[in-house]
Amino acid sequence: MDLARTAILPIDLQNEYRPGAAWPIVDYDDVLANTRAVLDAARAAGVQAFHVQAWVEPDKRSNYARLDADVGDEFRYAVAGTAESDICEEVAPVPGEIVVRKTWPTAFRDTNLQKDLTELGIENLIVTGILTDSCVRATVFDAVYAGFRVWLVKDAMGSMSKAMHRTATLDMANRLYGGGVVTTGEAVKALRGEAYQAWRCTRPVEFVYEADTIDRLYEAL
């Protein structure tokens, strides 16, 4: 992994996903701690961070026409300017890091993310964040289709259940062309310029899973 052409992309690590909040993520404290470890290694290596933040201004609510019409205010999320939508302090941006505010699940729609990455000559994206089955997946597929190599840090991502997280990780791995999956420890090694181990995508749809094989295949990544 050429670190000069690598960026880290933590996605939607916001307060509204903490335990007891509106949308609690399983093992969220671990996701935050693991992301922080990867961020610290990236900062030490001079690798650029792009913090993705779901942020919906009142005048953007109509972007989700069905959601706006059918879901009450008590189920709103990513409401701009609220404490719940703030990035968690454990992984908060530091000076020099870029915040990408998005309205849609993918961080590539109606943002400058692809332009900024291209101008910096980025080829590799190290991805952490939540929800694995929603905003992470949408962003990752757009990144792959845009020509980036994506490296998922599987224990620095999460969702509202382990099954949701694990099936979404397998879904992405099945089409993670040019990239792969690492653990936090291996991502840190890569960012230190050390030898590291990763699962690499070498063919489409390697993992044809059933309900009783999800855990085994996920652990093999």
Protein backbone atom coordinates (compact mmCIF):
# COMPACT_ATOMS: atom_id res chain seq x y z
CA MET A 1 0.00 0.00 0.00
CA ASP A 2 1.55 3.27 -1.16
CA LEU A 3 0.93 5.55 1.83
CA ALA A 4 1.53 8.66 -0.27
CA ARG A 5 -1.54 7.66 -2.26
CA THR A 6 -3.66 6.53 0.70
CA ALA A 7 -6.38 8.25 2.70
CA ILE A 8 -8.46 7.14 5.67
CA LEU A 9 -12.24 7.51 5.48
CA PRO A 10 -14.13 7.22 8.81
CA ILE A 11 -17.86 7.27 8.02
CA ASP A 12 -20.67 8.69 10.20
CA LEU A 13 -19.11 8.08 13.61
CA GLN A 14 -21.62 10.33 15.35
CA ASN A 15 -23.19 10.60 18.80
CA GLU A 16 -26.64 9.38 17.78
CA TYR A 17 -25.25 5.85 17.44
CA ARG A 18 -23.95 5.50 21.01
CA PRO A 19 -25.46 2.99 23.48
CA GLY A 20 -28.78 4.36 24.70
CA ALA A 21 -29.03 6.88 21.85
CA ALA A 22 -31.55 6.81 19.00
CA TRP A 23 -29.75 4.26 16.81
CA PRO A 24 -27.42 2.19 19.03
CA ILE A 25 -24.63 0.32 17.25
CA VAL A 26 -23.49 -3.04 18.60
CA ASP A 27 -20.02 -2.72 20.21
CA TYR A 28 -19.85 0.96 19.24
CA ASP A 29 -17.21 1.70 21.87
CA ASP A 30 -14.96 -0.87 20.19
CA VAL A 31 -15.64 0.59 16.75
CA LEU A 32 -14.64 4.04 18.04
CA ALA A 33 -11.53 2.74 19.82
CA ASN A 34 -10.40 0.78 16.77
CA THR A 35 -10.99 3.72 14.47
CA ARG A 36 -8.99 5.92 16.82
CA ALA A 37 -6.09 3.47 16.66
CA VAL A 38 -6.15 3.56 12.87
CA LEU A 39 -6.48 7.35 12.87
CA ASP A 40 -3.51 7.71 15.20
CA ALA A 41 -1.38 5.54 12.92
CA ALA A 42 -2.56 7.47 9.86
CA ARG A 43 -1.72 10.80 11.49
CA ALA A 44 1.74 9.57 12.44
CA ALA A 45 2.28 8.48 8.83
CA GLY A 46 1.01 11.76 7.36
CA VAL A 47 -1.95 10.04 5.72
CA GLN A 48 -4.86 12.38 4.98
CA ALA A 49 -8.15 11.79 6.80
CA PHE A 50 -11.57 12.56 5.31
CA HIS A 51 -14.21 12.42 8.04
CA VAL A 52 -17.64 11.71 6.60
CA GLN A 53 -20.54 13.22 8.53
CA ALA A 54 -24.24 12.70 7.84
CA TRP A 55 -25.65 16.22 8.03
CA VAL A 56 -29.12 17.12 6.80
CA GLU A 57 -30.14 20.76 6.73
CA PRO A 58 -33.89 21.56 6.94
CA ASP A 59 -33.98 22.60 3.29
CA LYS A 60 -32.51 19.24 2.26
CA ARG A 61 -35.20 17.06 3.85
CA SER A 62 -37.09 16.88 0.58
CA ASN A 63 -34.16 14.91 -0.90
CA TYR A 64 -35.73 11.93 0.83
CA ALA A 65 -39.26 12.41 -0.50
CA ARG A 66 -40.69 9.19 0.93
CA LEU A 67 -38.86 9.56 4.23
CA ASP A 68 -40.02 13.14 4.56
CA ALA A 69 -43.61 12.17 3.85
CA ASP A 70 -43.88 8.96 5.85
CA VAL A 71 -41.51 9.22 8.83
CA GLY A 72 -42.18 11.39 11.87
CA ASP A 73 -39.73 13.86 13.38
CA GLU A 74 -38.94 11.48 16.23
CA PHE A 75 -37.18 9.23 13.69
CA ARG A 76 -35.06 11.92 12.08
CA TYR A 77 -31.33 11.37 12.09
CA ALA A 78 -28.28 13.41 11.07
CA VAL A 79 -30.15 16.62 11.88
CA ALA A 80 -27.75 19.47 11.17
CA GLY A 81 -26.57 21.41 14.19
CA THR A 82 -27.64 18.94 16.86
CA ALA A 83 -25.33 17.33 19.42
CA GLU A 84 -26.49 13.93 18.18
CA SER A 85 -25.11 14.61 14.71
CA ASP A 86 -21.71 15.69 16.01
CA ILE A 87 -18.75 13.41 15.31
CA CYS A 88 -17.82 11.51 18.47
CA GLU A 89 -15.05 13.18 20.41
CA GLU A 90 -12.97 9.99 20.46
CA VAL A 91 -12.49 10.22 16.68
CA ALA A 92 -13.05 13.94 16.11
CA PRO A 93 -11.13 15.65 13.30
CA VAL A 94 -7.94 17.53 14.10
CA PRO A 95 -6.66 20.58 12.20
CA GLY A 96 -5.75 19.73 8.63
CA GLU A 97 -8.26 16.91 8.33
CA ILE A 98 -11.23 17.27 6.00
CA VAL A 99 -14.90 16.88 6.97
CA VAL A 100 -17.23 15.72 4.20
CA ARG A 101 -20.85 16.50 5.05
CA LYS A 102 -23.32 14.39 3.14
CA THR A 103 -27.08 14.22 2.72
CA TRP A 104 -27.26 10.86 0.97
CA PRO A 105 -26.04 7.45 2.20
CA THR A 106 -23.02 7.61 -0.11
CA ALA A 107 -20.37 10.22 0.59
CA PHE A 108 -19.76 10.60 -3.15
CA ARG A 109 -23.11 12.14 -4.07
CA ASP A 110 -23.41 15.94 -4.05
CA THR A 111 -20.02 16.37 -2.31
CA ASN A 112 -16.47 17.24 -3.37
CA LEU A 113 -15.05 13.95 -2.07
CA GLN A 114 -14.13 12.36 -5.40
CA LYS A 115 -12.67 15.61 -6.71
CA ASP A 116 -10.58 16.14 -3.58
CA LEU A 117 -9.31 12.55 -3.55
CA THR A 118 -8.39 12.73 -7.22
CA GLU A 119 -6.57 16.03 -6.83
CA LEU A 120 -4.49 14.53 -4.01
CA GLY A 121 -3.64 11.51 -6.15
CA ILE A 122 -5.33 9.08 -3.75
CA GLU A 123 -5.66 5.47 -4.90
CA ASN A 124 -6.24 3.59 -1.63
CA LEU A 125 -9.04 4.26 0.87
CA ILE A 126 -8.90 2.76 4.36
CA VAL A 127 -12.52 2.67 5.49
CA THR A 128 -14.04 2.52 8.97
CA GLY A 129 -17.46 3.56 10.23
CA ILE A 130 -21.15 2.82 10.34
CA LEU A 131 -23.67 1.56 9.38
CA THR A 132 -21.90 -1.22 7.54
CA ASP A 133 -25.07 -2.19 5.69
CA SER A 134 -26.08 1.36 4.73
CA CYS A 135 -23.77 4.36 4.44
CA VAL A 136 -20.52 2.36 4.50
CA ARG A 137 -21.72 0.00 1.78
CA ALA A 138 -23.11 2.80 -0.40
CA THR A 139 -19.89 4.80 -0.10
CA VAL A 140 -17.64 1.79 -0.68
CA PHE A 141 -19.40 0.66 -3.84
CA ASP A 142 -19.25 4.19 -5.27
CA ALA A 143 -15.54 4.32 -4.37
CA VAL A 144 -14.85 1.02 -6.13
CA TYR A 145 -16.80 2.08 -9.21
CA ALA A 146 -14.84 5.36 -9.23
CA GLY A 147 -11.59 3.37 -9.40
CA PHE A 148 -10.33 3.49 -5.81
CA ARG A 149 -8.90 0.48 -3.98
CA VAL A 150 -10.87 0.09 -0.77
CA TRP A 151 -9.53 -1.53 2.39
CA LEU A 152 -12.23 -2.31 4.95
CA VAL A 153 -11.17 -2.37 8.61
CA LYS A 154 -13.73 -4.95 9.61
CA ASP A 155 -13.53 -4.51 13.40
CA ALA A 156 -13.72 -0.72 13.05
CA MET A 157 -17.14 -0.88 11.38
CA GLY A 158 -20.53 -1.76 12.82
CA SER A 159 -24.29 -1.84 12.57
CA MET A 160 -27.33 -2.37 14.79
CA SER A 161 -26.73 -6.11 14.92
CA LYS A 162 -23.76 -8.37 14.30
CA ALA A 163 -25.63 -10.15 11.52
CA MET A 164 -26.28 -6.87 9.70
CA HIS A 165 -22.61 -5.93 9.98
CA ARG A 166 -21.25 -9.30 8.93
CA THR A 167 -23.51 -9.87 5.93
CA ALA A 168 -22.82 -6.34 4.66
CA THR A 169 -19.08 -6.90 5.02
CA LEU A 170 -19.35 -10.10 3.00
CA ASP A 171 -21.47 -8.32 0.39
CA MET A 172 -18.78 -5.67 -0.03
CA ALA A 173 -15.96 -8.20 -0.02
CA ASN A 174 -17.67 -9.99 -2.91
CA ARG A 175 -17.13 -6.93 -5.10
CA LEU A 176 -14.15 -5.20 -3.49
CA TYR A 177 -12.14 -5.24 -6.71
CA GLY A 178 -8.56 -4.14 -6.18
CA GLY A 179 -8.94 -3.93 -2.41
CA GLY A 180 -9.38 -6.11 0.63
CA VAL A 181 -10.27 -6.52 4.28
CA VAL A 182 -8.00 -6.02 7.29
CA THR A 183 -8.28 -5.93 11.06
CA THR A 184 -7.35 -2.87 13.08
CA GLY A 185 -4.01 -4.40 14.04
CA GLU A 186 -3.10 -5.14 10.43
CA ALA A 187 -4.24 -1.69 9.26
CA VAL A 188 -1.95 -0.11 11.86
CA LYS A 189 0.96 -2.24 10.61
CA ALA A 190 0.27 -1.14 7.03
CA LEU A 191 0.22 2.50 8.08
CA ARG A 192 3.54 2.03 9.86
CA GLY A 193 5.05 0.65 6.68
CA GLU A 194 5.35 -2.82 8.21
CA ALA A 195 4.45 -6.17 6.72
CA TYR A 196 0.76 -6.85 7.22
CA GLN A 197 -1.83 -9.48 6.38
CA ALA A 198 -5.07 -8.84 4.51
CA TRP A 199 -7.77 -10.73 2.70
CA ARG A 200 -7.57 -9.71 -0.95
CA CYS A 201 -10.41 -9.72 -3.44
CA THR A 202 -9.35 -11.83 -6.42
CA ARG A 203 -12.68 -12.74 -8.01
CA PRO A 204 -16.32 -11.62 -7.98
CA VAL A 205 -18.72 -13.22 -5.49
CA GLU A 206 -16.26 -15.41 -3.66
CA PHE A 207 -18.61 -15.76 -0.70
CA VAL A 208 -21.95 -17.44 -1.37
CA TYR A 209 -23.31 -17.52 2.15
CA GLU A 210 -26.24 -19.07 3.95
CA ALA A 211 -27.55 -18.12 7.38
CA ASP A 212 -25.48 -20.82 9.04
CA THR A 213 -22.22 -19.97 7.22
CA ILE A 214 -22.10 -16.19 7.69
CA ASP A 215 -19.98 -16.26 10.85
CA ARG A 216 -17.45 -18.75 9.47
CA LEU A 217 -16.95 -16.84 6.24
CA TYR A 218 -16.73 -13.49 8.01
CA GLU A 219 -14.06 -14.81 10.37
CA ALA A 220 -12.09 -16.00 7.33
CA LEU A 221 -11.73 -12.44 6.06
